[in-house]
Amino acid sequence: MENNILLSMEGINVHFHTRRGIVKAVRDLDLQIREGETLALVGESGCGKSVTAHTINRLIPMPPGVIESGKVVFRGEDILKMSEKEIQALRGTQISMIFQEPMTSLNPVFKVGDQLADVFMTHQGMKKKEAFAKAVELLDMVKIPVPEERAHSYPHQLSGGMRQRAMIAMALASPNPGLMIADEPTTALDVTIQAQILDLLTDLKDRVNMSLLLITHDMGVVAETADRVIVMYAGRKVEEGSVYQIFEDPSHPYTLGLLNSLPSNRKYQGATRLEAIHGNVPDLLTLGDGCPFRNRCEYGDESCDRSFPGATVKDEGHSLWCHYADRVKKDKDK
């Protein structure tokens, strides 16, 4: 493993055992996050992004979830082999997480400052007064105005943007920050606040020298923030590359579909209607071993039903998983 690799996931398979059958939420996933970089996981709802993040932190509810196979190596240790006590010590100290909806992630009956202080008392053994003072410092770091006053506020007394900043502050309450996982950190926010939160995350990442795993379905957010991108579909990785490679040379039919649906795409200047990916996301209960994008892909045929394709390497760091990568390229070049 390269020296600058902070976290590596190898051969990850996560299943959920339900009354209807087995949902294969993540299948044969490999990824690496380098020190100091921002890796974006992109895809539609239900593609396995959040399950991947929860696998890193061992937050998959078991049952019904089962991590069937694979390794999650963080700073040289396999997280999946750690005891419950060891993983609890890792969470919030070296790996932190910003959850999707801050209103439901923050406890409504405790003041924001007290919830932040609890992190310091639990993980660093601080006394309550010292921990509360550190909480105020963090609220100031994430640019919440009048942090002393906001520390004494309940979550419902803060705006959506302030609640999200409070969640980021909680994720930063770590003595040894290594990896921050941001699960749809801007979904519930208006466009102006989204931009502020993204700028804040980038600034904090550089300031405390940590890596960021950004989970989103918003390609605009990816373009502004990420260094590298992994595109997921129905639990599979279908394309991976630098942010430049993905946006300037998208090669998987699904990635092309995502980018073709963006209003900012140059091809839509003056157009009145956006392009959409036809069809629906497949039922994960009935998926076979073939390519999950088969039913929505103009290139798909019987060979796509039989097996999932191997990797096609386009360039250094840029790979896709498609039986007809050459045909897609020819059509793009026309």
Protein backbone atom coordinates (compact mmCIF):
# COMPACT_ATOMS: atom_id res chain seq x y z
CA MET A 1 0.00 0.00 0.00
CA GLU A 2 1.29 3.43 -0.95
CA ASN A 3 2.60 5.59 1.88
CA ASN A 4 0.15 8.40 1.17
CA ILE A 5 -2.94 6.19 1.26
CA LEU A 6 -4.94 7.03 4.38
CA LEU A 7 -7.81 4.58 3.89
CA SER A 8 -8.26 1.61 1.58
CA MET A 9 -11.42 -0.45 1.00
CA GLU A 10 -10.91 -3.76 -0.77
CA GLY A 11 -13.57 -6.17 -2.04
CA ILE A 12 -16.38 -4.73 0.07
CA ASN A 13 -19.75 -6.48 -0.15
CA VAL A 14 -22.61 -5.28 2.07
CA HIS A 15 -25.97 -7.07 2.08
CA PHE A 16 -29.25 -6.40 3.89
CA HIS A 17 -31.39 -9.43 4.74
CA THR A 18 -35.05 -8.43 4.42
CA ARG A 19 -38.35 -10.29 4.39
CA ARG A 20 -38.44 -9.98 0.60
CA GLY A 21 -34.91 -11.26 0.13
CA ILE A 22 -31.28 -10.13 0.15
CA VAL A 23 -30.49 -6.59 -0.94
CA LYS A 24 -26.93 -6.38 -2.27
CA ALA A 25 -26.35 -2.71 -1.43
CA VAL A 26 -22.60 -2.58 -2.17
CA ARG A 27 -20.83 -5.08 -4.40
CA ASP A 28 -17.11 -5.69 -4.90
CA LEU A 29 -16.15 -2.13 -4.06
CA ASP A 30 -12.51 -1.02 -3.99
CA LEU A 31 -11.49 2.55 -3.21
CA GLN A 32 -8.59 4.50 -1.77
CA ILE A 33 -8.47 7.88 -0.08
CA ARG A 34 -5.14 9.65 -0.04
CA GLU A 35 -3.89 11.92 2.71
CA GLY A 36 -5.13 15.48 2.28
CA GLU A 37 -7.39 14.82 -0.71
CA THR A 38 -11.14 15.16 -1.30
CA LEU A 39 -12.72 12.05 -2.82
CA ALA A 40 -16.32 12.39 -4.03
CA LEU A 41 -18.74 9.45 -4.21
CA VAL A 42 -21.40 10.32 -6.78
CA GLY A 43 -24.62 8.67 -7.88
CA GLU A 44 -28.39 8.61 -7.59
CA SER A 45 -30.17 7.86 -4.32
CA GLY A 46 -29.90 4.18 -3.46
CA CYS A 47 -26.61 3.58 -5.31
CA GLY A 48 -24.70 2.64 -2.14
CA LYS A 49 -22.92 5.87 -1.25
CA SER A 50 -24.15 6.18 2.34
CA VAL A 51 -23.80 2.43 2.94
CA THR A 52 -20.16 2.74 1.89
CA ALA A 53 -19.64 5.58 4.37
CA HIS A 54 -21.35 3.69 7.19
CA THR A 55 -19.20 0.64 6.44
CA ILE A 56 -16.08 2.71 7.12
CA ASN A 57 -17.42 3.73 10.53
CA ARG A 58 -18.99 0.33 11.22
CA LEU A 59 -22.41 1.97 11.55
CA ILE A 60 -24.27 -0.58 9.41
CA PRO A 61 -27.21 -1.85 11.53
CA MET A 62 -26.61 -5.58 12.07
CA PRO A 63 -29.08 -7.16 11.58
CA PRO A 64 -30.41 -6.69 8.94
CA GLY A 65 -27.09 -5.52 7.45
CA VAL A 66 -24.07 -7.79 7.02
CA ILE A 67 -20.60 -6.83 5.78
CA GLU A 68 -20.14 -10.07 3.85
CA SER A 69 -16.52 -9.63 2.81
CA GLY A 70 -13.67 -7.21 2.32
CA LYS A 71 -11.22 -5.05 4.24
CA VAL A 72 -11.29 -1.44 5.42
CA VAL A 73 -7.70 -0.49 6.23
CA PHE A 74 -7.24 2.86 8.00
CA ARG A 75 -3.73 3.93 8.97
CA GLY A 76 -2.56 0.34 8.61
CA GLU A 77 -5.33 -1.34 10.66
CA ASP A 78 -8.36 -3.26 9.40
CA ILE A 79 -11.41 -1.55 10.90
CA LEU A 80 -13.59 -4.62 10.26
CA LYS A 81 -11.40 -6.67 12.61
CA MET A 82 -11.52 -4.15 15.48
CA SER A 83 -13.44 -4.82 18.68
CA GLU A 84 -16.45 -2.64 19.48
CA LYS A 85 -14.39 -0.77 22.06
CA GLU A 86 -11.63 -0.07 19.51
CA ILE A 87 -14.04 1.19 16.84
CA GLN A 88 -15.79 3.45 19.35
CA ALA A 89 -12.42 4.98 20.22
CA LEU A 90 -11.75 5.55 16.50
CA ARG A 91 -15.06 7.27 15.79
CA GLY A 92 -14.92 10.96 16.60
CA THR A 93 -11.18 10.92 17.24
CA GLN A 94 -9.64 9.94 13.89
CA ILE A 95 -12.70 9.43 11.68
CA SER A 96 -15.60 11.87 11.96
CA MET A 97 -18.87 12.16 10.10
CA ILE A 98 -21.30 14.88 9.05
CA PHE A 99 -24.71 13.26 8.63
CA GLN A 100 -27.29 14.22 6.00
CA GLU A 101 -29.88 16.10 8.04
CA PRO A 102 -28.57 18.24 10.92
CA MET A 103 -32.02 18.73 12.45
CA THR A 104 -32.35 15.00 13.10
CA SER A 105 -28.65 14.45 13.86
CA LEU A 106 -28.56 17.02 16.67
CA ASN A 107 -30.46 16.14 19.85
CA PRO A 108 -33.39 18.62 20.10
CA VAL A 109 -33.50 18.61 23.93
CA PHE A 110 -29.86 19.60 24.55
CA LYS A 111 -28.16 22.91 23.81
CA VAL A 112 -25.73 22.92 20.90
CA GLY A 113 -22.75 23.83 23.09
CA ASP A 114 -23.49 20.99 25.51
CA GLN A 115 -23.63 18.47 22.65
CA LEU A 116 -20.28 19.68 21.34
CA ALA A 117 -18.77 19.70 24.82
CA ASP A 118 -19.88 16.09 25.30
CA VAL A 119 -17.56 15.04 22.46
CA PHE A 120 -14.57 16.59 24.26
CA MET A 121 -15.55 15.06 27.60
CA THR A 122 -16.07 11.60 26.08
CA HIS A 123 -13.01 11.39 23.86
CA GLN A 124 -10.52 13.68 25.57
CA GLY A 125 -11.55 13.47 29.22
CA MET A 126 -12.05 17.24 29.63
CA LYS A 127 -13.98 18.78 32.49
CA LYS A 128 -17.33 20.32 31.58
CA LYS A 129 -16.23 23.97 31.79
CA GLU A 130 -13.13 23.43 29.66
CA ALA A 131 -15.09 21.33 27.15
CA PHE A 132 -17.77 24.02 26.77
CA ALA A 133 -15.08 26.65 26.14
CA LYS A 134 -13.62 24.41 23.41
CA ALA A 135 -17.11 24.04 21.95
CA VAL A 136 -17.42 27.81 21.66
CA GLU A 137 -13.99 27.93 19.96
CA LEU A 138 -15.14 25.40 17.36
CA LEU A 139 -18.38 27.27 16.69
CA ASP A 140 -16.25 30.34 16.06
CA MET A 141 -13.93 28.32 13.78
CA VAL A 142 -16.87 27.28 11.57
CA LYS A 143 -17.89 30.96 11.36
CA ILE A 144 -21.07 30.91 13.40
CA PRO A 145 -21.75 34.52 14.46
CA VAL A 146 -21.83 35.25 18.22
CA PRO A 147 -20.65 31.70 19.07
CA GLU A 148 -21.04 32.17 22.86
CA GLU A 149 -24.72 32.93 22.40
CA ARG A 150 -25.32 30.16 19.88
CA ALA A 151 -23.67 27.62 22.18
CA HIS A 152 -26.54 28.23 24.62
CA SER A 153 -29.17 27.75 21.87
CA TYR A 154 -31.21 24.64 21.10
CA PRO A 155 -31.00 23.19 17.56
CA HIS A 156 -34.46 24.47 16.59
CA GLN A 157 -33.31 28.03 17.35
CA LEU A 158 -30.64 27.86 14.62
CA SER A 159 -31.11 28.19 10.87
CA GLY A 160 -30.41 25.22 8.59
CA GLY A 161 -27.02 26.63 7.66
CA MET A 162 -26.05 27.19 11.30
CA ARG A 163 -27.13 23.66 12.24
CA GLN A 164 -24.97 22.27 9.46
CA ARG A 165 -22.04 24.36 10.70
CA ALA A 166 -22.63 23.01 14.20
CA MET A 167 -22.46 19.46 12.78
CA ILE A 168 -19.18 20.31 11.05
CA ALA A 169 -17.87 21.71 14.34
CA MET A 170 -18.81 18.44 16.05
CA ALA A 171 -16.97 16.48 13.36
CA LEU A 172 -13.88 18.65 13.96
CA ALA A 173 -13.83 17.99 17.70
CA SER A 174 -11.08 15.45 17.16
CA PRO A 175 -7.61 15.36 18.71
CA ASN A 176 -6.15 13.58 15.67
CA PRO A 177 -8.22 14.36 12.57
CA GLY A 178 -7.58 11.98 9.70
CA LEU A 179 -10.76 11.54 7.71
CA MET A 180 -14.01 13.49 7.64
CA ILE A 181 -16.99 11.87 5.93
CA ALA A 182 -19.54 14.41 4.68
CA ASP A 183 -22.80 12.67 3.72
CA GLU A 184 -24.81 15.07 1.51
CA PRO A 185 -23.70 18.07 3.61
CA THR A 186 -25.54 20.65 1.49
CA THR A 187 -28.75 18.83 0.49
CA ALA A 188 -31.19 20.73 2.71
CA LEU A 189 -29.61 24.16 2.18
CA ASP A 190 -30.29 26.92 -0.30
CA VAL A 191 -27.72 27.65 -3.01
CA THR A 192 -26.01 30.57 -1.24
CA ILE A 193 -25.55 28.62 2.01
CA GLN A 194 -24.40 25.56 0.03
CA ALA A 195 -21.52 27.57 -1.41
CA GLN A 196 -20.56 28.85 2.05
CA ILE A 197 -20.56 25.32 3.53
CA LEU A 198 -18.42 23.96 0.66
CA ASP A 199 -15.92 26.80 1.04
CA LEU A 200 -15.83 26.16 4.79
CA LEU A 201 -15.19 22.42 4.35
CA THR A 202 -12.37 23.07 1.88
CA ASP A 203 -10.79 25.68 4.14
CA LEU A 204 -11.01 23.48 7.24
CA LYS A 205 -9.64 20.44 5.38
CA ASP A 206 -6.53 22.39 4.43
CA ARG A 207 -6.20 24.05 7.84
CA VAL A 208 -6.26 20.85 9.91
CA ASN A 209 -4.64 18.67 7.19
CA MET A 210 -7.30 15.99 6.88
CA SER A 211 -8.90 14.02 4.05
CA LEU A 212 -12.53 14.44 3.02
CA LEU A 213 -14.91 11.80 1.68
CA LEU A 214 -17.74 13.78 0.09
CA ILE A 215 -20.97 11.92 -0.65
CA THR A 216 -23.33 13.68 -3.02
CA HIS A 217 -25.59 13.37 -6.05
CA ASP A 218 -24.86 16.97 -7.07
CA MET A 219 -22.27 17.10 -9.86
CA GLY A 220 -21.92 20.86 -9.39
CA VAL A 221 -20.74 20.30 -5.82
CA VAL A 222 -18.25 17.72 -7.10
CA ALA A 223 -16.81 20.09 -9.70
CA GLU A 224 -16.17 22.78 -7.09
CA THR A 225 -14.79 20.61 -4.30
CA ALA A 226 -13.36 17.22 -5.28
CA ASP A 227 -9.87 16.09 -6.31
CA ARG A 228 -10.99 12.63 -7.43
CA VAL A 229 -14.40 11.12 -8.22
CA ILE A 230 -15.95 7.66 -7.99
CA VAL A 231 -19.26 7.24 -9.82
CA MET A 232 -21.49 4.52 -8.31
CA TYR A 233 -24.58 2.87 -9.68
CA ALA A 234 -26.73 0.22 -7.95
CA GLY A 235 -23.96 -0.69 -5.53
CA ARG A 236 -21.21 -0.90 -8.16
CA LYS A 237 -18.32 1.40 -9.02
CA VAL A 238 -18.72 2.26 -12.72
CA GLU A 239 -16.13 5.01 -13.29
CA GLU A 240 -13.24 6.53 -11.37
CA GLY A 241 -10.88 9.38 -12.16
CA SER A 242 -9.68 12.84 -11.28
CA VAL A 243 -12.30 15.57 -11.27
CA TYR A 244 -10.78 16.87 -14.53
CA GLN A 245 -10.94 13.44 -16.20
CA ILE A 246 -14.56 12.85 -15.16
CA PHE A 247 -15.81 16.23 -16.34
CA GLU A 248 -13.65 16.63 -19.46
CA ASP A 249 -13.63 13.01 -20.61
CA PRO A 250 -16.61 11.15 -19.10
CA SER A 251 -16.64 7.64 -20.53
CA HIS A 252 -19.26 5.43 -18.87
CA PRO A 253 -22.80 5.80 -20.25
CA TYR A 254 -24.11 6.51 -16.75
CA THR A 255 -21.54 9.26 -16.09
CA LEU A 256 -22.42 10.78 -19.47
CA GLY A 257 -26.08 10.70 -18.48
CA LEU A 258 -25.40 12.48 -15.20
CA LEU A 259 -23.39 15.23 -16.88
CA ASN A 260 -25.81 15.58 -19.79
CA SER A 261 -28.61 16.37 -17.32
CA LEU A 262 -26.81 19.42 -15.90
CA PRO A 263 -28.36 22.79 -16.80
CA SER A 264 -24.83 24.26 -16.86
CA ASN A 265 -23.81 21.91 -19.68
CA ARG A 266 -22.80 23.97 -22.72
CA LYS A 267 -25.00 21.88 -25.01
CA TYR A 268 -28.11 23.34 -23.33
CA GLN A 269 -27.40 27.00 -23.98
CA GLY A 270 -30.69 28.33 -25.30
CA ALA A 271 -32.47 24.98 -24.89
CA THR A 272 -35.80 24.71 -23.10
CA ARG A 273 -35.60 21.05 -22.06
CA LEU A 274 -32.89 19.03 -20.28
CA GLU A 275 -31.86 15.51 -21.21
CA ALA A 276 -32.77 12.76 -18.74
CA ILE A 277 -31.59 9.20 -18.21
CA HIS A 278 -34.56 7.10 -19.31
CA GLY A 279 -35.88 4.21 -17.26
CA ASN A 280 -35.64 3.55 -13.53
CA VAL A 281 -33.03 2.38 -11.04
CA PRO A 282 -33.24 -1.44 -10.88
CA ASP A 283 -34.58 -3.34 -7.90
CA LEU A 284 -31.52 -4.44 -5.92
CA LEU A 285 -33.41 -7.55 -4.80
CA THR A 286 -33.54 -8.92 -8.33
CA LEU A 287 -30.18 -7.85 -9.74
CA GLY A 288 -28.11 -10.59 -11.33
CA ASP A 289 -24.39 -10.72 -11.95
CA GLY A 290 -24.46 -8.50 -15.02
CA CYS A 291 -24.14 -4.74 -15.42
CA PRO A 292 -26.84 -3.02 -13.33
CA PHE A 293 -27.11 -0.17 -15.87
CA ARG A 294 -28.12 -2.59 -18.63
CA ASN A 295 -31.86 -1.67 -18.66
CA ARG A 296 -31.14 2.06 -19.09
CA CYS A 297 -28.16 1.89 -21.45
CA GLU A 298 -28.39 2.39 -25.22
CA TYR A 299 -25.34 0.13 -25.69
CA GLY A 300 -26.56 -2.77 -23.54
CA ASP A 301 -27.12 -6.27 -24.92
CA GLU A 302 -27.14 -9.91 -23.77
CA SER A 303 -23.44 -9.90 -22.88
CA CYS A 304 -24.15 -7.15 -20.34
CA ASP A 305 -26.70 -9.44 -18.67
CA ARG A 306 -24.21 -12.28 -18.28
CA SER A 307 -21.37 -10.59 -16.39
CA PHE A 308 -20.19 -7.35 -14.88
CA PRO A 309 -17.37 -5.93 -17.02
CA GLY A 310 -13.76 -5.74 -15.97
CA ALA A 311 -11.93 -2.44 -15.74
CA THR A 312 -11.00 -0.50 -18.85
CA VAL A 313 -8.05 1.82 -18.09
CA LYS A 314 -8.35 5.00 -20.13
CA ASP A 315 -5.50 6.93 -18.60
CA GLU A 316 -3.47 6.96 -15.41
CA GLY A 317 -6.00 7.08 -12.58
CA HIS A 318 -8.98 6.96 -14.96
CA SER A 319 -10.91 3.68 -15.30
CA LEU A 320 -14.43 2.60 -16.20
CA TRP A 321 -16.37 -0.63 -16.05
CA CYS A 322 -18.28 -1.08 -19.32
CA HIS A 323 -18.36 -3.87 -21.92
CA TYR A 324 -18.62 -1.30 -24.70
CA ALA A 325 -16.16 1.39 -23.62
CA ASP A 326 -14.67 1.57 -27.14
CA ARG A 327 -18.08 2.04 -28.75
CA VAL A 328 -19.00 4.79 -26.29
CA LYS A 329 -15.73 6.57 -27.12
CA LYS A 330 -16.38 6.40 -30.88
CA ASP A 331 -19.85 7.89 -30.46
CA LYS A 332 -18.45 10.68 -28.26
CA ASP A 333 -15.76 11.50 -30.81
CA LYS A 334 -18.21 11.86 -33.72
